Amino acid sequence: MSKNPLRVVIAKAGLDGHDRGAKVITRALRDAGVEVIYTGLHQTPSGIVSVAVQEDAHAIGVSCLSGAHLTAFGEIVRLLKEQGAQDITLFGGGIVPRGDLKALKDLGVAEIFTPGASLSGIVTWVLEHIGSPALPGAVPLSLIHGAPASASA
């Protein structure tokens, strides 16, 4: 991990038009001191990977509520390998049937957060598994809405 701030691309792949969750995750990560690039709605896997490579991101977080998670994540993994960017961690969330979680992990998706995952749990996972650079102005995890009182940054 470089001394640069932790950078995460948050994306909505495909025709999925529901972005509230992605925006909430973006805000929670930013409040924790992570530099987040939110790509907006209706992104292609190639566009998501292109942004992540251009922005020198450490990770990509994809929100998928449309049911196209196996296709979208599979294509992102393929493109990351094709571009020699396997060091970019891919994680995601959304409506993913329990039976598809193993298939996504087998593809190379580091983690999938399903409905009910807490903001503090997602932020903690990102900081612990992708990196936790000391960032000026970072908000302690215990102050993030929904974080348990005993959590610490």
N, C-alpha and C. Protein backbone atom coordinates (compact mmCIF):
# COMPACT_ATOMS: atom_id res chain seq x y z
N MET A 1 0.86 -1.18 0.00
CA MET A 1 0.00 0.00 0.00
C MET A 1 0.90 1.23 0.00
N SER A 2 0.59 2.15 -0.86
CA SER A 2 1.37 3.37 -0.95
C SER A 2 0.99 4.32 0.19
N LYS A 3 1.70 5.45 0.27
CA LYS A 3 1.40 6.44 1.29
C LYS A 3 0.27 7.36 0.85
N ASN A 4 -0.25 7.13 -0.36
CA ASN A 4 -1.39 7.91 -0.83
C ASN A 4 -2.62 7.56 -0.02
N PRO A 5 -3.59 8.46 0.05
CA PRO A 5 -4.83 8.14 0.76
C PRO A 5 -5.51 6.92 0.16
N LEU A 6 -6.23 6.21 0.98
CA LEU A 6 -7.01 5.08 0.52
C LEU A 6 -8.05 5.60 -0.46
N ARG A 7 -8.08 5.01 -1.67
CA ARG A 7 -9.00 5.45 -2.72
C ARG A 7 -9.89 4.30 -3.13
N VAL A 8 -11.19 4.54 -3.11
CA VAL A 8 -12.17 3.52 -3.44
C VAL A 8 -13.13 4.09 -4.48
N VAL A 9 -13.36 3.32 -5.53
CA VAL A 9 -14.36 3.66 -6.54
C VAL A 9 -15.64 2.93 -6.14
N ILE A 10 -16.74 3.67 -6.04
CA ILE A 10 -18.06 3.09 -5.79
C ILE A 10 -18.85 3.24 -7.08
N ALA A 11 -19.44 2.12 -7.53
CA ALA A 11 -20.09 2.13 -8.84
C ALA A 11 -21.42 1.37 -8.81
N LYS A 12 -22.28 1.76 -9.73
CA LYS A 12 -23.54 1.06 -10.00
C LYS A 12 -23.42 0.49 -11.41
N ALA A 13 -23.40 -0.84 -11.51
CA ALA A 13 -23.22 -1.48 -12.81
C ALA A 13 -24.55 -1.76 -13.49
N GLY A 14 -24.57 -1.58 -14.80
CA GLY A 14 -25.72 -1.97 -15.60
C GLY A 14 -26.92 -1.05 -15.48
N LEU A 15 -28.08 -1.64 -15.66
CA LEU A 15 -29.31 -0.87 -15.72
C LEU A 15 -29.93 -0.59 -14.36
N ASP A 16 -29.30 -1.03 -13.31
CA ASP A 16 -29.79 -0.81 -11.95
C ASP A 16 -29.86 0.69 -11.67
N GLY A 17 -31.05 1.18 -11.40
CA GLY A 17 -31.24 2.62 -11.20
C GLY A 17 -31.40 3.04 -9.76
N HIS A 18 -31.15 2.15 -8.82
CA HIS A 18 -31.33 2.47 -7.41
C HIS A 18 -29.97 2.73 -6.78
N ASP A 19 -29.70 3.99 -6.47
CA ASP A 19 -28.36 4.33 -6.00
C ASP A 19 -28.29 4.88 -4.57
N ARG A 20 -29.38 4.84 -3.84
CA ARG A 20 -29.35 5.38 -2.49
C ARG A 20 -28.30 4.67 -1.63
N GLY A 21 -28.28 3.33 -1.67
CA GLY A 21 -27.31 2.58 -0.88
C GLY A 21 -25.88 2.92 -1.25
N ALA A 22 -25.60 3.05 -2.54
CA ALA A 22 -24.25 3.40 -2.98
C ALA A 22 -23.85 4.77 -2.46
N LYS A 23 -24.80 5.70 -2.46
CA LYS A 23 -24.51 7.05 -1.96
C LYS A 23 -24.30 7.04 -0.45
N VAL A 24 -25.04 6.21 0.27
CA VAL A 24 -24.86 6.11 1.72
C VAL A 24 -23.49 5.53 2.04
N ILE A 25 -23.10 4.49 1.31
CA ILE A 25 -21.77 3.89 1.51
C ILE A 25 -20.68 4.89 1.16
N THR A 26 -20.87 5.62 0.08
CA THR A 26 -19.91 6.65 -0.31
C THR A 26 -19.71 7.64 0.83
N ARG A 27 -20.80 8.11 1.39
CA ARG A 27 -20.72 9.10 2.48
C ARG A 27 -20.06 8.51 3.72
N ALA A 28 -20.41 7.29 4.08
CA ALA A 28 -19.82 6.65 5.27
C ALA A 28 -18.31 6.47 5.10
N LEU A 29 -17.88 6.06 3.92
CA LEU A 29 -16.44 5.90 3.68
C LEU A 29 -15.73 7.25 3.72
N ARG A 30 -16.35 8.26 3.11
CA ARG A 30 -15.75 9.60 3.15
C ARG A 30 -15.65 10.12 4.58
N ASP A 31 -16.69 9.89 5.39
CA ASP A 31 -16.67 10.31 6.78
C ASP A 31 -15.56 9.62 7.56
N ALA A 32 -15.17 8.42 7.12
CA ALA A 32 -14.10 7.67 7.76
C ALA A 32 -12.73 8.06 7.21
N GLY A 33 -12.69 9.03 6.28
CA GLY A 33 -11.42 9.51 5.76
C GLY A 33 -10.96 8.89 4.47
N VAL A 34 -11.79 8.06 3.85
CA VAL A 34 -11.44 7.41 2.59
C VAL A 34 -11.76 8.37 1.45
N GLU A 35 -10.90 8.41 0.46
CA GLU A 35 -11.18 9.19 -0.75
C GLU A 35 -12.04 8.30 -1.65
N VAL A 36 -13.25 8.76 -1.96
CA VAL A 36 -14.20 7.95 -2.73
C VAL A 36 -14.52 8.65 -4.04
N ILE A 37 -14.48 7.87 -5.11
CA ILE A 37 -14.89 8.34 -6.43
C ILE A 37 -16.18 7.60 -6.74
N TYR A 38 -17.31 8.32 -6.78
CA TYR A 38 -18.59 7.70 -7.09
C TYR A 38 -18.87 7.92 -8.57
N THR A 39 -19.07 6.82 -9.30
CA THR A 39 -19.21 6.91 -10.75
C THR A 39 -20.61 7.24 -11.22
N GLY A 40 -21.61 7.10 -10.36
CA GLY A 40 -22.99 7.34 -10.78
C GLY A 40 -23.64 6.09 -11.33
N LEU A 41 -24.84 6.28 -11.84
CA LEU A 41 -25.66 5.17 -12.32
C LEU A 41 -25.25 4.67 -13.70
N HIS A 42 -25.67 3.44 -14.00
CA HIS A 42 -25.62 2.85 -15.34
C HIS A 42 -24.21 2.74 -15.91
N GLN A 43 -23.28 2.29 -15.11
CA GLN A 43 -21.90 2.16 -15.56
C GLN A 43 -21.66 0.76 -16.15
N THR A 44 -20.81 0.69 -17.15
CA THR A 44 -20.41 -0.59 -17.72
C THR A 44 -19.22 -1.13 -16.92
N PRO A 45 -19.02 -2.44 -16.92
CA PRO A 45 -17.83 -2.98 -16.26
C PRO A 45 -16.54 -2.36 -16.79
N SER A 46 -16.45 -2.16 -18.10
CA SER A 46 -15.22 -1.57 -18.65
C SER A 46 -15.04 -0.13 -18.18
N GLY A 47 -16.12 0.61 -18.06
CA GLY A 47 -16.04 1.98 -17.54
C GLY A 47 -15.62 2.01 -16.09
N ILE A 48 -16.14 1.09 -15.29
CA ILE A 48 -15.78 1.02 -13.87
C ILE A 48 -14.30 0.71 -13.71
N VAL A 49 -13.83 -0.27 -14.44
CA VAL A 49 -12.41 -0.64 -14.35
C VAL A 49 -11.53 0.49 -14.86
N SER A 50 -11.95 1.14 -15.93
CA SER A 50 -11.18 2.26 -16.47
C SER A 50 -11.02 3.38 -15.44
N VAL A 51 -12.11 3.73 -14.76
CA VAL A 51 -12.05 4.77 -13.73
C VAL A 51 -11.11 4.34 -12.61
N ALA A 52 -11.24 3.09 -12.16
CA ALA A 52 -10.40 2.61 -11.06
C ALA A 52 -8.92 2.66 -11.41
N VAL A 53 -8.59 2.26 -12.63
CA VAL A 53 -7.18 2.29 -13.06
C VAL A 53 -6.70 3.73 -13.19
N GLN A 54 -7.48 4.58 -13.85
CA GLN A 54 -7.09 5.98 -14.02
C GLN A 54 -6.95 6.72 -12.70
N GLU A 55 -7.80 6.40 -11.74
CA GLU A 55 -7.78 7.09 -10.45
C GLU A 55 -6.82 6.44 -9.45
N ASP A 56 -6.10 5.40 -9.88
CA ASP A 56 -5.16 4.70 -9.00
C ASP A 56 -5.86 4.23 -7.73
N ALA A 57 -7.05 3.63 -7.91
CA ALA A 57 -7.85 3.18 -6.78
C ALA A 57 -7.26 1.93 -6.15
N HIS A 58 -7.50 1.78 -4.86
CA HIS A 58 -7.10 0.58 -4.14
C HIS A 58 -8.21 -0.46 -4.19
N ALA A 59 -9.44 -0.01 -4.41
CA ALA A 59 -10.58 -0.93 -4.41
C ALA A 59 -11.72 -0.39 -5.25
N ILE A 60 -12.59 -1.32 -5.64
CA ILE A 60 -13.84 -1.01 -6.32
C ILE A 60 -14.96 -1.63 -5.50
N GLY A 61 -15.96 -0.83 -5.18
CA GLY A 61 -17.16 -1.33 -4.53
C GLY A 61 -18.32 -1.19 -5.49
N VAL A 62 -18.97 -2.29 -5.82
CA VAL A 62 -20.06 -2.28 -6.78
C VAL A 62 -21.36 -2.62 -6.07
N SER A 63 -22.37 -1.80 -6.30
CA SER A 63 -23.71 -2.06 -5.79
C SER A 63 -24.53 -2.65 -6.91
N CYS A 64 -25.17 -3.78 -6.63
CA CYS A 64 -25.97 -4.43 -7.66
C CYS A 64 -27.28 -4.92 -7.06
N LEU A 65 -28.36 -4.34 -7.53
CA LEU A 65 -29.70 -4.73 -7.08
C LEU A 65 -30.52 -5.34 -8.21
N SER A 66 -29.94 -5.44 -9.39
CA SER A 66 -30.69 -5.84 -10.57
C SER A 66 -30.74 -7.33 -10.84
N GLY A 67 -29.95 -8.11 -10.14
CA GLY A 67 -29.88 -9.54 -10.40
C GLY A 67 -28.79 -9.92 -11.39
N ALA A 68 -28.06 -8.95 -11.89
CA ALA A 68 -27.00 -9.21 -12.87
C ALA A 68 -25.62 -9.29 -12.21
N HIS A 69 -25.59 -9.60 -10.92
CA HIS A 69 -24.35 -9.58 -10.16
C HIS A 69 -23.29 -10.55 -10.68
N LEU A 70 -23.67 -11.77 -11.06
CA LEU A 70 -22.66 -12.73 -11.53
C LEU A 70 -22.01 -12.24 -12.83
N THR A 71 -22.82 -11.71 -13.72
CA THR A 71 -22.30 -11.20 -14.99
C THR A 71 -21.44 -9.96 -14.77
N ALA A 72 -21.95 -8.99 -14.02
CA ALA A 72 -21.22 -7.73 -13.82
C ALA A 72 -19.91 -7.95 -13.08
N PHE A 73 -19.96 -8.67 -11.96
CA PHE A 73 -18.74 -8.89 -11.19
C PHE A 73 -17.75 -9.75 -11.98
N GLY A 74 -18.26 -10.76 -12.69
CA GLY A 74 -17.37 -11.60 -13.50
C GLY A 74 -16.63 -10.80 -14.55
N GLU A 75 -17.33 -9.88 -15.19
CA GLU A 75 -16.69 -9.05 -16.23
C GLU A 75 -15.70 -8.08 -15.62
N ILE A 76 -16.00 -7.52 -14.46
CA ILE A 76 -15.06 -6.61 -13.79
C ILE A 76 -13.79 -7.37 -13.42
N VAL A 77 -13.93 -8.56 -12.87
CA VAL A 77 -12.75 -9.38 -12.52
C VAL A 77 -11.93 -9.67 -13.77
N ARG A 78 -12.59 -10.06 -14.86
CA ARG A 78 -11.88 -10.36 -16.11
C ARG A 78 -11.11 -9.14 -16.61
N LEU A 79 -11.75 -7.98 -16.58
CA LEU A 79 -11.10 -6.77 -17.07
C LEU A 79 -9.95 -6.32 -16.17
N LEU A 80 -10.10 -6.49 -14.87
CA LEU A 80 -8.98 -6.16 -13.96
C LEU A 80 -7.77 -7.03 -14.29
N LYS A 81 -8.00 -8.32 -14.52
CA LYS A 81 -6.89 -9.22 -14.89
C LYS A 81 -6.30 -8.81 -16.22
N GLU A 82 -7.16 -8.52 -17.18
CA GLU A 82 -6.72 -8.13 -18.52
C GLU A 82 -5.83 -6.89 -18.48
N GLN A 83 -6.15 -5.97 -17.58
CA GLN A 83 -5.39 -4.72 -17.49
C GLN A 83 -4.23 -4.81 -16.48
N GLY A 84 -4.01 -6.00 -15.92
CA GLY A 84 -2.93 -6.16 -14.95
C GLY A 84 -3.20 -5.41 -13.66
N ALA A 85 -4.46 -5.27 -13.30
CA ALA A 85 -4.84 -4.49 -12.13
C ALA A 85 -5.47 -5.37 -11.05
N GLN A 86 -4.96 -6.60 -10.92
CA GLN A 86 -5.52 -7.51 -9.92
C GLN A 86 -5.26 -7.05 -8.50
N ASP A 87 -4.40 -6.05 -8.32
CA ASP A 87 -4.15 -5.52 -6.98
C ASP A 87 -5.29 -4.62 -6.50
N ILE A 88 -6.24 -4.31 -7.37
CA ILE A 88 -7.43 -3.53 -6.99
C ILE A 88 -8.44 -4.52 -6.41
N THR A 89 -8.78 -4.34 -5.14
CA THR A 89 -9.72 -5.22 -4.46
C THR A 89 -11.14 -4.92 -4.92
N LEU A 90 -11.89 -5.97 -5.24
CA LEU A 90 -13.28 -5.82 -5.65
C LEU A 90 -14.19 -6.33 -4.54
N PHE A 91 -15.12 -5.48 -4.12
CA PHE A 91 -16.13 -5.89 -3.16
C PHE A 91 -17.47 -5.33 -3.63
N GLY A 92 -18.53 -5.78 -3.02
CA GLY A 92 -19.82 -5.31 -3.49
C GLY A 92 -20.92 -5.52 -2.49
N GLY A 93 -22.10 -5.14 -2.93
CA GLY A 93 -23.26 -5.30 -2.08
C GLY A 93 -24.52 -5.22 -2.90
N GLY A 94 -25.60 -5.61 -2.25
CA GLY A 94 -26.89 -5.52 -2.90
C GLY A 94 -27.71 -6.76 -2.66
N ILE A 95 -28.66 -6.96 -3.54
CA ILE A 95 -29.56 -8.11 -3.46
C ILE A 95 -28.87 -9.27 -4.16
N VAL A 96 -28.23 -10.11 -3.36
CA VAL A 96 -27.51 -11.27 -3.89
C VAL A 96 -28.02 -12.51 -3.17
N PRO A 97 -28.59 -13.45 -3.91
CA PRO A 97 -29.05 -14.67 -3.26
C PRO A 97 -27.90 -15.39 -2.55
N ARG A 98 -28.22 -15.94 -1.40
CA ARG A 98 -27.22 -16.64 -0.59
C ARG A 98 -26.44 -17.67 -1.42
N GLY A 99 -27.14 -18.35 -2.32
CA GLY A 99 -26.51 -19.37 -3.15
C GLY A 99 -25.47 -18.83 -4.12
N ASP A 100 -25.50 -17.54 -4.40
CA ASP A 100 -24.53 -16.94 -5.34
C ASP A 100 -23.30 -16.38 -4.64
N LEU A 101 -23.31 -16.31 -3.32
CA LEU A 101 -22.19 -15.71 -2.60
C LEU A 101 -20.89 -16.47 -2.85
N LYS A 102 -20.93 -17.80 -2.80
CA LYS A 102 -19.73 -18.59 -3.03
C LYS A 102 -19.23 -18.41 -4.47
N ALA A 103 -20.14 -18.39 -5.42
CA ALA A 103 -19.75 -18.19 -6.82
C ALA A 103 -19.03 -16.86 -7.00
N LEU A 104 -19.51 -15.81 -6.34
CA LEU A 104 -18.86 -14.51 -6.43
C LEU A 104 -17.47 -14.54 -5.78
N LYS A 105 -17.36 -15.18 -4.64
CA LYS A 105 -16.05 -15.31 -3.98
C LYS A 105 -15.10 -16.09 -4.88
N ASP A 106 -15.60 -17.16 -5.50
CA ASP A 106 -14.77 -17.97 -6.40
C ASP A 106 -14.30 -17.17 -7.62
N LEU A 107 -15.11 -16.19 -8.03
CA LEU A 107 -14.71 -15.31 -9.14
C LEU A 107 -13.55 -14.40 -8.74
N GLY A 108 -13.45 -14.11 -7.44
CA GLY A 108 -12.42 -13.20 -6.97
C GLY A 108 -12.96 -11.97 -6.27
N VAL A 109 -14.25 -11.95 -5.99
CA VAL A 109 -14.84 -10.84 -5.25
C VAL A 109 -14.46 -11.03 -3.78
N ALA A 110 -13.85 -10.03 -3.18
CA ALA A 110 -13.33 -10.16 -1.82
C ALA A 110 -14.42 -10.27 -0.78
N GLU A 111 -15.51 -9.52 -0.93
CA GLU A 111 -16.60 -9.54 0.05
C GLU A 111 -17.87 -9.04 -0.61
N ILE A 112 -18.99 -9.59 -0.15
CA ILE A 112 -20.30 -9.14 -0.59
C ILE A 112 -21.12 -8.80 0.65
N PHE A 113 -21.66 -7.60 0.68
CA PHE A 113 -22.50 -7.15 1.78
C PHE A 113 -23.95 -7.19 1.33
N THR A 114 -24.75 -7.97 2.02
CA THR A 114 -26.15 -8.14 1.66
C THR A 114 -27.02 -7.27 2.55
N PRO A 115 -28.32 -7.17 2.25
CA PRO A 115 -29.20 -6.35 3.07
C PRO A 115 -29.06 -6.68 4.56
N GLY A 116 -29.02 -5.64 5.37
CA GLY A 116 -28.85 -5.81 6.80
C GLY A 116 -27.42 -5.56 7.27
N ALA A 117 -26.47 -5.51 6.33
CA ALA A 117 -25.09 -5.20 6.72
C ALA A 117 -25.05 -3.79 7.28
N SER A 118 -24.31 -3.59 8.35
CA SER A 118 -24.25 -2.27 8.97
C SER A 118 -23.21 -1.39 8.27
N LEU A 119 -23.46 -0.10 8.29
CA LEU A 119 -22.48 0.84 7.74
C LEU A 119 -21.14 0.69 8.44
N SER A 120 -21.17 0.60 9.75
CA SER A 120 -19.91 0.48 10.49
C SER A 120 -19.19 -0.81 10.12
N GLY A 121 -19.94 -1.88 9.88
CA GLY A 121 -19.31 -3.14 9.48
C GLY A 121 -18.65 -3.03 8.11
N ILE A 122 -19.31 -2.35 7.19
CA ILE A 122 -18.74 -2.17 5.85
C ILE A 122 -17.50 -1.30 5.92
N VAL A 123 -17.58 -0.18 6.62
CA VAL A 123 -16.44 0.73 6.74
C VAL A 123 -15.28 0.01 7.42
N THR A 124 -15.57 -0.71 8.49
CA THR A 124 -14.52 -1.45 9.20
C THR A 124 -13.86 -2.46 8.27
N TRP A 125 -14.66 -3.18 7.49
CA TRP A 125 -14.09 -4.17 6.56
C TRP A 125 -13.17 -3.47 5.55
N VAL A 126 -13.63 -2.37 4.98
CA VAL A 126 -12.80 -1.65 4.00
C VAL A 126 -11.48 -1.22 4.63
N LEU A 127 -11.54 -0.62 5.80
CA LEU A 127 -10.32 -0.14 6.45
C LEU A 127 -9.39 -1.28 6.83
N GLU A 128 -9.94 -2.40 7.27
CA GLU A 128 -9.10 -3.52 7.70
C GLU A 128 -8.57 -4.35 6.54
N HIS A 129 -9.33 -4.49 5.45
CA HIS A 129 -8.93 -5.37 4.37
C HIS A 129 -8.30 -4.67 3.17
N ILE A 130 -8.52 -3.38 3.08
CA ILE A 130 -7.96 -2.66 1.94
C ILE A 130 -6.85 -1.72 2.40
N GLY A 131 -6.96 -1.20 3.58
CA GLY A 131 -5.92 -0.34 4.12
C GLY A 131 -6.53 0.73 4.99
N SER A 132 -5.73 1.24 5.88
CA SER A 132 -6.21 2.26 6.80
C SER A 132 -5.15 3.34 6.96
N PRO A 133 -4.92 4.12 5.90
CA PRO A 133 -3.92 5.17 6.01
C PRO A 133 -4.36 6.23 7.00
N ALA A 134 -3.39 6.85 7.62
CA ALA A 134 -3.71 7.95 8.54
C ALA A 134 -4.10 9.15 7.69
N LEU A 135 -5.34 9.52 7.77
CA LEU A 135 -5.85 10.60 6.95
C LEU A 135 -6.24 11.77 7.83
N PRO A 136 -5.77 12.98 7.51
CA PRO A 136 -6.18 14.13 8.30
C PRO A 136 -7.67 14.34 8.18
N GLY A 137 -8.30 14.63 9.29
CA GLY A 137 -9.73 14.92 9.28
C GLY A 137 -10.61 13.70 9.28
N ALA A 138 -10.04 12.50 9.40
CA ALA A 138 -10.86 11.30 9.43
C ALA A 138 -11.73 11.30 10.67
N VAL A 139 -12.96 10.88 10.49
CA VAL A 139 -13.90 10.81 11.60
C VAL A 139 -13.76 9.45 12.26
N PRO A 140 -13.63 9.38 13.58
CA PRO A 140 -13.56 8.07 14.23
C PRO A 140 -14.80 7.24 13.91
N LEU A 141 -14.60 5.95 13.69
CA LEU A 141 -15.68 5.07 13.33
C LEU A 141 -16.83 5.14 14.33
N SER A 142 -16.52 5.35 15.58
CA SER A 142 -17.55 5.39 16.62
C SER A 142 -18.52 6.56 16.42
N LEU A 143 -18.14 7.55 15.62
CA LEU A 143 -19.00 8.69 15.40
C LEU A 143 -19.85 8.57 14.13
N ILE A 144 -19.62 7.53 13.35
CA ILE A 144 -20.39 7.33 12.12
C ILE A 144 -21.77 6.82 12.49
N HIS A 145 -22.78 7.38 11.88
CA HIS A 145 -24.17 6.97 12.16
C HIS A 145 -24.32 5.46 12.01
N GLY A 146 -24.85 4.86 13.04
CA GLY A 146 -25.10 3.42 13.00
C GLY A 146 -23.96 2.58 13.55
N ALA A 147 -22.81 3.21 13.87
CA ALA A 147 -21.69 2.46 14.41
C ALA A 147 -21.96 2.13 15.87
N PRO A 148 -21.58 0.92 16.29
CA PRO A 148 -21.76 0.60 17.69
C PRO A 148 -20.88 1.49 18.56
N ALA A 149 -21.33 1.80 19.75
CA ALA A 149 -20.60 2.72 20.64
C ALA A 149 -19.21 2.22 20.96
N SER A 150 -18.98 0.91 20.93
CA SER A 150 -17.66 0.38 21.28
C SER A 150 -16.69 0.35 20.12
N ALA A 151 -17.14 0.69 18.91
CA ALA A 151 -16.24 0.65 17.74
C ALA A 151 -15.23 1.77 17.83
N SER A 152 -14.07 1.50 17.26
CA SER A 152 -13.03 2.53 17.22
C SER A 152 -12.38 2.52 15.86
N ALA A 153 -11.78 3.62 15.47
CA ALA A 153 -11.19 3.74 14.14
C ALA A 153 -9.90 2.97 14.03
